[in-house]
Amino acid sequence: MQRLHLVFGGELVDPTKNVFKDVEDIHIVGMYPNYAAAYDAWKAEAQRTVDNAHMRYFIAHIHRLRDEEAPASPTEELG
């Protein structure tokens, strides 16, 4: 299985919560083939925006969202 990771971030409404101020303004850094590459990209963006307490970047484990071995959900069956 390919282990894809998405790095994204943006300004939060409140630095103690994970709610974006403007979803349309989310910065998509990129998709990476492994965690190490994603971590390096995440760290670079986090350091670049360190002076803004409301900015947060995240690593999403995209490969965990779709497991071909797992049965489909009822919603997927409708599509």
Protein backbone atom coordinates (compact mmCIF):
# COMPACT_ATOMS: atom_id res chain seq x y z
CA MET A 1 0.00 0.00 0.00
CA GLN A 2 1.23 3.48 -0.83
CA ARG A 3 1.36 5.72 2.25
CA LEU A 4 0.32 9.19 1.12
CA HIS A 5 0.46 12.21 3.44
CA LEU A 6 -1.14 15.62 2.88
CA VAL A 7 0.35 18.72 4.52
CA PHE A 8 -2.03 21.66 4.89
CA GLY A 9 -2.70 24.56 7.22
CA GLY A 10 -4.11 27.97 7.75
CA GLU A 11 -5.26 30.53 10.24
CA LEU A 12 -7.39 29.28 13.12
CA VAL A 13 -10.26 31.13 14.79
CA ASP A 14 -8.78 30.33 18.19
CA PRO A 15 -5.27 28.87 18.72
CA THR A 16 -6.65 26.41 21.30
CA LYS A 17 -9.02 24.80 18.77
CA ASN A 18 -8.63 23.25 15.32
CA VAL A 19 -11.23 25.40 13.52
CA PHE A 20 -10.06 27.32 10.47
CA LYS A 21 -10.95 31.00 10.19
CA ASP A 22 -11.58 30.71 6.43
CA VAL A 23 -11.77 27.23 4.89
CA GLU A 24 -11.38 28.73 1.40
CA ASP A 25 -8.00 30.14 2.48
CA ILE A 26 -6.46 26.82 3.58
CA HIS A 27 -2.90 26.49 2.32
CA ILE A 28 -2.31 23.10 0.67
CA VAL A 29 1.43 22.55 0.98
CA GLY A 30 1.46 19.26 -0.89
CA MET A 31 1.11 15.49 -1.01
CA TYR A 32 4.08 13.39 0.07
CA PRO A 33 4.93 9.70 -0.42
CA ASN A 34 6.13 9.12 3.14
CA TYR A 35 5.89 10.58 6.62
CA ALA A 36 9.49 11.83 6.69
CA ALA A 37 8.99 14.02 3.61
CA ALA A 38 5.63 15.26 4.94
CA TYR A 39 7.20 16.05 8.31
CA ASP A 40 9.96 18.09 6.66
CA ALA A 41 7.37 20.10 4.69
CA TRP A 42 5.21 20.55 7.79
CA LYS A 43 8.18 21.72 9.86
CA ALA A 44 9.26 24.24 7.21
CA GLU A 45 5.78 25.80 7.06
CA ALA A 46 5.36 25.76 10.84
CA GLN A 47 8.70 27.51 11.29
CA ARG A 48 7.91 30.01 8.53
CA THR A 49 4.71 31.06 10.34
CA VAL A 50 5.96 30.74 13.93
CA ASP A 51 5.28 34.43 14.68
CA ASN A 52 1.53 34.01 14.09
CA ALA A 53 0.00 32.04 16.99
CA HIS A 54 -3.18 31.47 14.96
CA MET A 55 -1.42 29.64 12.10
CA ARG A 56 -1.33 25.84 12.25
CA TYR A 57 -0.16 23.19 9.86
CA PHE A 58 -1.20 19.54 9.92
CA ILE A 59 -0.19 16.22 8.41
CA ALA A 60 -3.13 14.10 7.23
CA HIS A 61 -2.49 10.39 6.73
CA ILE A 62 -4.41 10.03 3.46
CA HIS A 63 -3.64 6.31 3.21
CA ARG A 64 -5.72 5.74 6.35
CA LEU A 65 -8.82 7.19 4.72
CA ARG A 66 -9.15 4.45 2.15
CA ASP A 67 -8.40 0.85 2.97
CA GLU A 68 -9.34 -1.36 0.04
CA GLU A 69 -9.59 -4.39 2.35
CA ALA A 70 -12.24 -2.78 4.60
CA PRO A 71 -15.93 -3.13 3.66
CA ALA A 72 -17.51 -0.03 2.13
CA SER A 73 -19.72 2.18 4.25
CA PRO A 74 -23.46 2.43 3.44
CA THR A 75 -22.84 5.91 1.97
CA GLU A 76 -20.20 4.58 -0.42
CA GLU A 77 -22.59 1.87 -1.57
CA LEU A 78 -25.08 4.54 -2.72
CA GLY A 79 -22.58 6.20 -5.07
